[in-house]
N, C-alpha and C. Protein backbone atom coordinates (compact mmCIF):
# COMPACT_ATOMS: atom_id res chain seq x y z
N MET A 1 -72.37 37.16 73.17
CA MET A 1 -71.54 36.60 72.12
C MET A 1 -70.27 37.46 72.03
N ILE A 2 -69.16 36.82 71.77
CA ILE A 2 -67.91 37.56 71.67
C ILE A 2 -67.66 37.97 70.22
N LEU A 3 -66.82 38.96 70.04
CA LEU A 3 -66.44 39.42 68.72
C LEU A 3 -65.48 38.42 68.06
N ARG A 4 -65.43 38.45 66.74
CA ARG A 4 -64.51 37.56 66.02
C ARG A 4 -63.07 37.77 66.48
N SER A 5 -62.69 39.02 66.67
CA SER A 5 -61.31 39.30 67.08
C SER A 5 -61.02 38.70 68.45
N THR A 6 -61.98 38.76 69.37
CA THR A 6 -61.80 38.15 70.68
C THR A 6 -61.72 36.64 70.55
N PHE A 7 -62.56 36.07 69.70
CA PHE A 7 -62.51 34.63 69.43
C PHE A 7 -61.11 34.24 68.96
N MET A 8 -60.58 35.00 68.02
CA MET A 8 -59.25 34.69 67.47
C MET A 8 -58.19 34.79 68.57
N ASP A 9 -58.27 35.81 69.40
CA ASP A 9 -57.29 35.98 70.48
C ASP A 9 -57.35 34.82 71.47
N LEU A 10 -58.56 34.47 71.90
CA LEU A 10 -58.71 33.39 72.88
C LEU A 10 -58.31 32.04 72.29
N SER A 11 -58.70 31.80 71.05
CA SER A 11 -58.34 30.54 70.40
C SER A 11 -56.82 30.44 70.25
N GLN A 12 -56.19 31.54 69.90
CA GLN A 12 -54.73 31.55 69.75
C GLN A 12 -54.05 31.20 71.07
N LYS A 13 -54.58 31.72 72.18
CA LYS A 13 -54.02 31.40 73.49
C LYS A 13 -54.07 29.89 73.74
N ALA A 14 -55.19 29.27 73.36
CA ALA A 14 -55.33 27.83 73.57
C ALA A 14 -54.37 27.06 72.67
N ILE A 15 -54.27 27.46 71.42
CA ILE A 15 -53.42 26.76 70.46
C ILE A 15 -51.95 26.84 70.88
N GLU A 16 -51.58 27.94 71.50
CA GLU A 16 -50.18 28.14 71.91
C GLU A 16 -49.78 27.31 73.12
N GLN A 17 -50.74 26.70 73.77
CA GLN A 17 -50.42 25.85 74.92
C GLN A 17 -49.73 24.59 74.42
N PRO A 18 -48.56 24.26 74.96
CA PRO A 18 -47.82 23.08 74.47
C PRO A 18 -48.62 21.78 74.61
N GLU A 19 -49.44 21.69 75.63
CA GLU A 19 -50.21 20.46 75.85
C GLU A 19 -51.56 20.47 75.14
N CYS A 20 -51.81 21.46 74.32
CA CYS A 20 -53.10 21.58 73.63
C CYS A 20 -53.15 20.63 72.43
N THR A 21 -53.68 19.45 72.67
CA THR A 21 -53.83 18.46 71.60
C THR A 21 -55.29 18.06 71.41
N ASP A 22 -56.16 18.74 72.13
CA ASP A 22 -57.58 18.36 72.12
C ASP A 22 -58.49 19.51 71.69
N PHE A 23 -57.99 20.45 70.92
CA PHE A 23 -58.72 21.67 70.57
C PHE A 23 -59.16 21.60 69.12
N PHE A 24 -60.47 21.68 68.89
CA PHE A 24 -61.03 21.56 67.56
C PHE A 24 -61.78 22.84 67.21
N ILE A 25 -61.64 23.27 65.97
CA ILE A 25 -62.29 24.50 65.49
C ILE A 25 -63.22 24.10 64.35
N GLY A 26 -64.41 24.68 64.35
CA GLY A 26 -65.37 24.37 63.31
C GLY A 26 -66.33 25.50 63.04
N LEU A 27 -67.09 25.35 61.98
CA LEU A 27 -68.10 26.32 61.57
C LEU A 27 -69.48 25.69 61.63
N VAL A 28 -70.46 26.50 61.96
CA VAL A 28 -71.85 26.05 62.03
C VAL A 28 -72.70 27.10 61.33
N ASP A 29 -73.67 26.64 60.55
CA ASP A 29 -74.64 27.57 59.98
C ASP A 29 -76.01 26.90 59.90
N ILE A 30 -77.01 27.68 59.58
CA ILE A 30 -78.38 27.17 59.42
C ILE A 30 -78.59 26.89 57.94
N ASP A 31 -78.91 25.63 57.62
CA ASP A 31 -79.18 25.28 56.23
C ASP A 31 -80.37 26.07 55.70
N TYR A 32 -80.26 26.54 54.47
CA TYR A 32 -81.35 27.24 53.77
C TYR A 32 -81.81 28.49 54.52
N PHE A 33 -80.88 29.18 55.16
CA PHE A 33 -81.26 30.34 55.96
C PHE A 33 -81.93 31.42 55.12
N LYS A 34 -81.45 31.66 53.91
CA LYS A 34 -82.06 32.67 53.05
C LYS A 34 -83.53 32.36 52.80
N GLN A 35 -83.83 31.08 52.63
CA GLN A 35 -85.23 30.70 52.40
C GLN A 35 -86.09 30.96 53.63
N ILE A 36 -85.51 30.82 54.82
CA ILE A 36 -86.25 31.13 56.04
C ILE A 36 -86.63 32.60 56.04
N ASN A 37 -85.65 33.46 55.77
CA ASN A 37 -85.93 34.90 55.73
C ASN A 37 -86.93 35.23 54.63
N ASP A 38 -86.77 34.63 53.46
CA ASP A 38 -87.67 34.92 52.34
C ASP A 38 -89.09 34.45 52.59
N ASN A 39 -89.24 33.25 53.19
CA ASN A 39 -90.57 32.66 53.36
C ASN A 39 -91.26 33.07 54.66
N TYR A 40 -90.49 33.32 55.72
CA TYR A 40 -91.08 33.59 57.03
C TYR A 40 -90.80 35.00 57.54
N GLY A 41 -89.88 35.68 56.92
CA GLY A 41 -89.56 37.05 57.32
C GLY A 41 -88.29 37.11 58.17
N ARG A 42 -87.75 38.29 58.20
CA ARG A 42 -86.47 38.51 58.90
C ARG A 42 -86.58 38.26 60.40
N ARG A 43 -87.72 38.61 60.99
CA ARG A 43 -87.88 38.38 62.44
C ARG A 43 -87.77 36.90 62.79
N MET A 44 -88.34 36.05 61.94
CA MET A 44 -88.24 34.60 62.16
C MET A 44 -86.78 34.16 61.99
N GLY A 45 -86.11 34.70 61.00
CA GLY A 45 -84.70 34.38 60.80
C GLY A 45 -83.86 34.80 62.00
N ASP A 46 -84.14 35.99 62.53
CA ASP A 46 -83.42 36.47 63.71
C ASP A 46 -83.67 35.55 64.91
N LEU A 47 -84.90 35.11 65.06
CA LEU A 47 -85.24 34.20 66.16
C LEU A 47 -84.51 32.87 66.01
N ALA A 48 -84.43 32.37 64.78
CA ALA A 48 -83.70 31.12 64.54
C ALA A 48 -82.22 31.28 64.91
N ILE A 49 -81.64 32.42 64.57
CA ILE A 49 -80.23 32.68 64.92
C ILE A 49 -80.06 32.73 66.43
N GLN A 50 -80.98 33.39 67.12
CA GLN A 50 -80.92 33.47 68.59
C GLN A 50 -80.99 32.08 69.20
N ARG A 51 -81.90 31.26 68.71
CA ARG A 51 -82.05 29.91 69.26
C ARG A 51 -80.81 29.05 68.99
N LEU A 52 -80.24 29.20 67.79
CA LEU A 52 -79.02 28.45 67.48
C LEU A 52 -77.90 28.90 68.41
N SER A 53 -77.78 30.18 68.62
CA SER A 53 -76.76 30.71 69.52
C SER A 53 -76.93 30.14 70.93
N GLN A 54 -78.15 30.12 71.43
CA GLN A 54 -78.42 29.58 72.76
C GLN A 54 -78.09 28.09 72.82
N CYS A 55 -78.45 27.37 71.79
CA CYS A 55 -78.18 25.93 71.73
C CYS A 55 -76.68 25.66 71.73
N LEU A 56 -75.94 26.43 70.95
CA LEU A 56 -74.49 26.26 70.89
C LEU A 56 -73.83 26.64 72.21
N GLU A 57 -74.27 27.74 72.81
CA GLU A 57 -73.69 28.15 74.09
C GLU A 57 -73.91 27.08 75.15
N LYS A 58 -75.12 26.52 75.18
CA LYS A 58 -75.42 25.47 76.15
C LYS A 58 -74.61 24.21 75.87
N GLY A 59 -74.60 23.76 74.64
CA GLY A 59 -73.91 22.53 74.28
C GLY A 59 -72.40 22.61 74.40
N LEU A 60 -71.86 23.79 74.15
CA LEU A 60 -70.42 23.98 74.26
C LEU A 60 -70.01 24.46 75.66
N GLU A 61 -71.01 24.62 76.52
CA GLU A 61 -70.78 25.06 77.90
C GLU A 61 -70.02 26.38 77.94
N VAL A 62 -70.52 27.34 77.17
CA VAL A 62 -69.94 28.68 77.11
C VAL A 62 -70.94 29.63 77.78
N ASP A 63 -70.49 30.37 78.77
CA ASP A 63 -71.36 31.28 79.50
C ASP A 63 -70.85 32.70 79.31
N TYR A 64 -71.57 33.46 78.49
CA TYR A 64 -71.17 34.84 78.20
C TYR A 64 -72.03 35.87 78.93
N ARG A 65 -72.71 35.47 80.02
CA ARG A 65 -73.54 36.44 80.74
C ARG A 65 -72.72 37.62 81.24
N ASP A 66 -71.51 37.35 81.67
CA ASP A 66 -70.59 38.41 82.07
C ASP A 66 -69.38 38.31 81.16
N LEU A 67 -69.49 38.96 80.01
CA LEU A 67 -68.49 38.82 78.97
C LEU A 67 -67.09 39.23 79.43
N ALA A 68 -66.98 40.35 80.12
CA ALA A 68 -65.67 40.82 80.57
C ALA A 68 -65.04 39.79 81.51
N ASP A 69 -65.86 39.23 82.39
CA ASP A 69 -65.37 38.24 83.33
C ASP A 69 -64.90 36.98 82.59
N PHE A 70 -65.66 36.55 81.57
CA PHE A 70 -65.29 35.37 80.80
C PHE A 70 -63.93 35.57 80.14
N VAL A 71 -63.75 36.70 79.46
CA VAL A 71 -62.49 36.96 78.75
C VAL A 71 -61.33 37.04 79.72
N GLU A 72 -61.55 37.70 80.84
CA GLU A 72 -60.49 37.86 81.84
C GLU A 72 -60.09 36.52 82.46
N LYS A 73 -61.07 35.66 82.70
CA LYS A 73 -60.80 34.39 83.38
C LYS A 73 -60.66 33.21 82.42
N PHE A 74 -60.60 33.47 81.13
CA PHE A 74 -60.51 32.41 80.13
C PHE A 74 -59.33 31.49 80.43
N ASP A 75 -59.62 30.19 80.50
CA ASP A 75 -58.58 29.18 80.73
C ASP A 75 -58.36 28.44 79.42
N PRO A 76 -57.26 28.71 78.72
CA PRO A 76 -57.05 28.09 77.41
C PRO A 76 -56.92 26.57 77.45
N ALA A 77 -56.68 26.02 78.62
CA ALA A 77 -56.53 24.57 78.73
C ALA A 77 -57.87 23.84 78.82
N LYS A 78 -58.98 24.59 79.11
CA LYS A 78 -60.25 23.88 79.25
C LYS A 78 -61.48 24.61 78.71
N ASP A 79 -61.41 25.93 78.53
CA ASP A 79 -62.60 26.68 78.12
C ASP A 79 -62.83 26.62 76.61
N ASN A 80 -64.09 26.54 76.22
CA ASN A 80 -64.51 26.57 74.83
C ASN A 80 -64.90 27.99 74.47
N VAL A 81 -64.88 28.31 73.18
CA VAL A 81 -65.28 29.65 72.73
C VAL A 81 -66.19 29.54 71.52
N LEU A 82 -67.01 30.56 71.36
CA LEU A 82 -68.00 30.61 70.29
C LEU A 82 -68.16 32.05 69.86
N ALA A 83 -68.24 32.28 68.55
CA ALA A 83 -68.46 33.64 68.05
C ALA A 83 -69.35 33.56 66.81
N ARG A 84 -70.08 34.62 66.59
CA ARG A 84 -70.88 34.72 65.37
C ARG A 84 -70.02 35.41 64.31
N LEU A 85 -69.93 34.76 63.17
CA LEU A 85 -69.16 35.34 62.07
C LEU A 85 -69.98 36.37 61.32
N GLY A 86 -71.25 36.10 61.19
CA GLY A 86 -72.15 36.97 60.45
C GLY A 86 -73.32 36.16 59.96
N SER A 87 -74.40 36.85 59.69
CA SER A 87 -75.62 36.19 59.23
C SER A 87 -75.93 34.99 60.12
N ASP A 88 -75.96 33.80 59.54
CA ASP A 88 -76.29 32.59 60.31
C ASP A 88 -75.06 31.74 60.58
N GLU A 89 -73.88 32.30 60.46
CA GLU A 89 -72.65 31.53 60.60
C GLU A 89 -71.98 31.78 61.94
N PHE A 90 -71.59 30.68 62.59
CA PHE A 90 -70.89 30.73 63.86
C PHE A 90 -69.60 29.94 63.76
N VAL A 91 -68.60 30.34 64.52
CA VAL A 91 -67.35 29.59 64.60
C VAL A 91 -67.17 29.19 66.06
N PHE A 92 -66.70 27.97 66.27
CA PHE A 92 -66.48 27.49 67.63
C PHE A 92 -65.11 26.88 67.75
N ALA A 93 -64.62 26.84 68.95
CA ALA A 93 -63.40 26.12 69.27
C ALA A 93 -63.67 25.42 70.59
N CYS A 94 -63.48 24.11 70.61
CA CYS A 94 -63.80 23.37 71.83
C CYS A 94 -62.78 22.27 72.09
N HIS A 95 -62.68 21.94 73.34
CA HIS A 95 -61.81 20.85 73.78
C HIS A 95 -62.61 19.55 73.74
N CYS A 96 -62.07 18.57 73.05
CA CYS A 96 -62.66 17.23 72.99
C CYS A 96 -61.50 16.24 72.98
N PRO A 97 -61.72 15.06 73.54
CA PRO A 97 -60.62 14.09 73.61
C PRO A 97 -60.18 13.54 72.26
N SER A 98 -61.06 13.63 71.23
CA SER A 98 -60.71 13.10 69.91
C SER A 98 -61.58 13.76 68.85
N GLU A 99 -61.19 13.57 67.61
CA GLU A 99 -61.99 14.09 66.50
C GLU A 99 -63.37 13.43 66.50
N ALA A 100 -63.41 12.13 66.79
CA ALA A 100 -64.68 11.41 66.84
C ALA A 100 -65.59 11.98 67.93
N ALA A 101 -65.01 12.30 69.08
CA ALA A 101 -65.80 12.87 70.17
C ALA A 101 -66.32 14.26 69.80
N CYS A 102 -65.51 15.03 69.08
CA CYS A 102 -65.95 16.35 68.63
C CYS A 102 -67.10 16.21 67.64
N LEU A 103 -66.97 15.30 66.71
CA LEU A 103 -68.03 15.05 65.73
C LEU A 103 -69.31 14.60 66.44
N GLU A 104 -69.17 13.73 67.41
CA GLU A 104 -70.34 13.27 68.17
C GLU A 104 -71.01 14.44 68.90
N LYS A 105 -70.19 15.31 69.48
CA LYS A 105 -70.73 16.49 70.17
C LYS A 105 -71.49 17.38 69.20
N MET A 106 -70.93 17.60 68.01
CA MET A 106 -71.59 18.45 67.02
C MET A 106 -72.88 17.81 66.51
N GLN A 107 -72.87 16.50 66.34
CA GLN A 107 -74.09 15.81 65.91
C GLN A 107 -75.17 15.92 66.98
N GLY A 108 -74.76 15.86 68.25
CA GLY A 108 -75.70 16.05 69.35
C GLY A 108 -76.28 17.45 69.35
N LEU A 109 -75.44 18.45 69.08
CA LEU A 109 -75.92 19.83 69.01
C LEU A 109 -76.87 20.00 67.83
N GLN A 110 -76.55 19.38 66.71
CA GLN A 110 -77.42 19.46 65.54
C GLN A 110 -78.78 18.84 65.86
N ALA A 111 -78.78 17.70 66.52
CA ALA A 111 -80.04 17.04 66.89
C ALA A 111 -80.83 17.88 67.87
N ALA A 112 -80.14 18.50 68.82
CA ALA A 112 -80.83 19.36 69.80
C ALA A 112 -81.46 20.56 69.12
N PHE A 113 -80.73 21.17 68.19
CA PHE A 113 -81.28 22.34 67.48
C PHE A 113 -82.44 21.92 66.59
N ALA A 114 -82.35 20.75 65.97
CA ALA A 114 -83.43 20.26 65.10
C ALA A 114 -84.73 20.08 65.88
N LYS A 115 -84.64 19.82 67.18
CA LYS A 115 -85.83 19.64 68.02
C LYS A 115 -86.44 20.96 68.48
N GLU A 116 -85.70 22.05 68.30
CA GLU A 116 -86.19 23.35 68.74
C GLU A 116 -87.47 23.71 67.98
N GLU A 117 -88.46 24.18 68.70
CA GLU A 117 -89.67 24.69 68.05
C GLU A 117 -89.57 26.20 68.05
N ILE A 118 -89.49 26.74 66.86
CA ILE A 118 -89.35 28.18 66.70
C ILE A 118 -90.66 28.69 66.13
N ALA A 119 -91.34 29.53 66.89
CA ALA A 119 -92.65 30.04 66.48
C ALA A 119 -92.70 31.55 66.68
N LEU A 120 -93.36 32.20 65.75
CA LEU A 120 -93.50 33.65 65.80
C LEU A 120 -94.76 34.03 65.04
N ASP A 121 -95.60 34.81 65.67
CA ASP A 121 -96.81 35.33 65.02
C ASP A 121 -97.65 34.22 64.37
N GLY A 122 -97.77 33.10 65.07
CA GLY A 122 -98.59 32.01 64.57
C GLY A 122 -97.93 31.12 63.52
N GLN A 123 -96.70 31.45 63.16
CA GLN A 123 -95.97 30.62 62.20
C GLN A 123 -94.96 29.78 62.96
N ARG A 124 -94.78 28.55 62.50
CA ARG A 124 -93.82 27.64 63.13
C ARG A 124 -92.76 27.25 62.14
N LEU A 125 -91.56 27.20 62.64
CA LEU A 125 -90.42 26.79 61.84
C LEU A 125 -89.84 25.54 62.46
N SER A 126 -89.56 24.53 61.65
CA SER A 126 -88.99 23.31 62.20
C SER A 126 -87.65 23.06 61.57
C-alpha cells in the first residue's frame, strides 16, 4: 500500500494531464467497523481491512508488490492508485470512461467484498 502523500503526488500527476477527463477519486470504508472490532476483536478487524485492501487492489488493477517500481513507472494517463487513509478508510483514484462506469465498478467491488468469507479462530464475519 502506498502512503497518503504518495497517493496525492501520483493523483496530482494524473490530474495535471491535459487529456485527463476520465479520472475519478473516491473513498471506501467498512460499514460498522467499530462494531466488528468490539464484537469480534481487533485481529478480525485487521483481517477485514487486509481483505478489503486485497479486493480493492485486484478490482482497481493496482499491483504494489514492487512499490518502488510502481511509483517510478506510474503512468498518469492509465494507472489507478489506492491508499489507506487510516483505520478502515481507503482512498482511490481510477480511470473510468464515465461517472456511471466508475459507480458500476465500485458497486462490483462492493459486491465482491460482500462475498468474502472472513474467518478467524472459528468465528466468521460476513
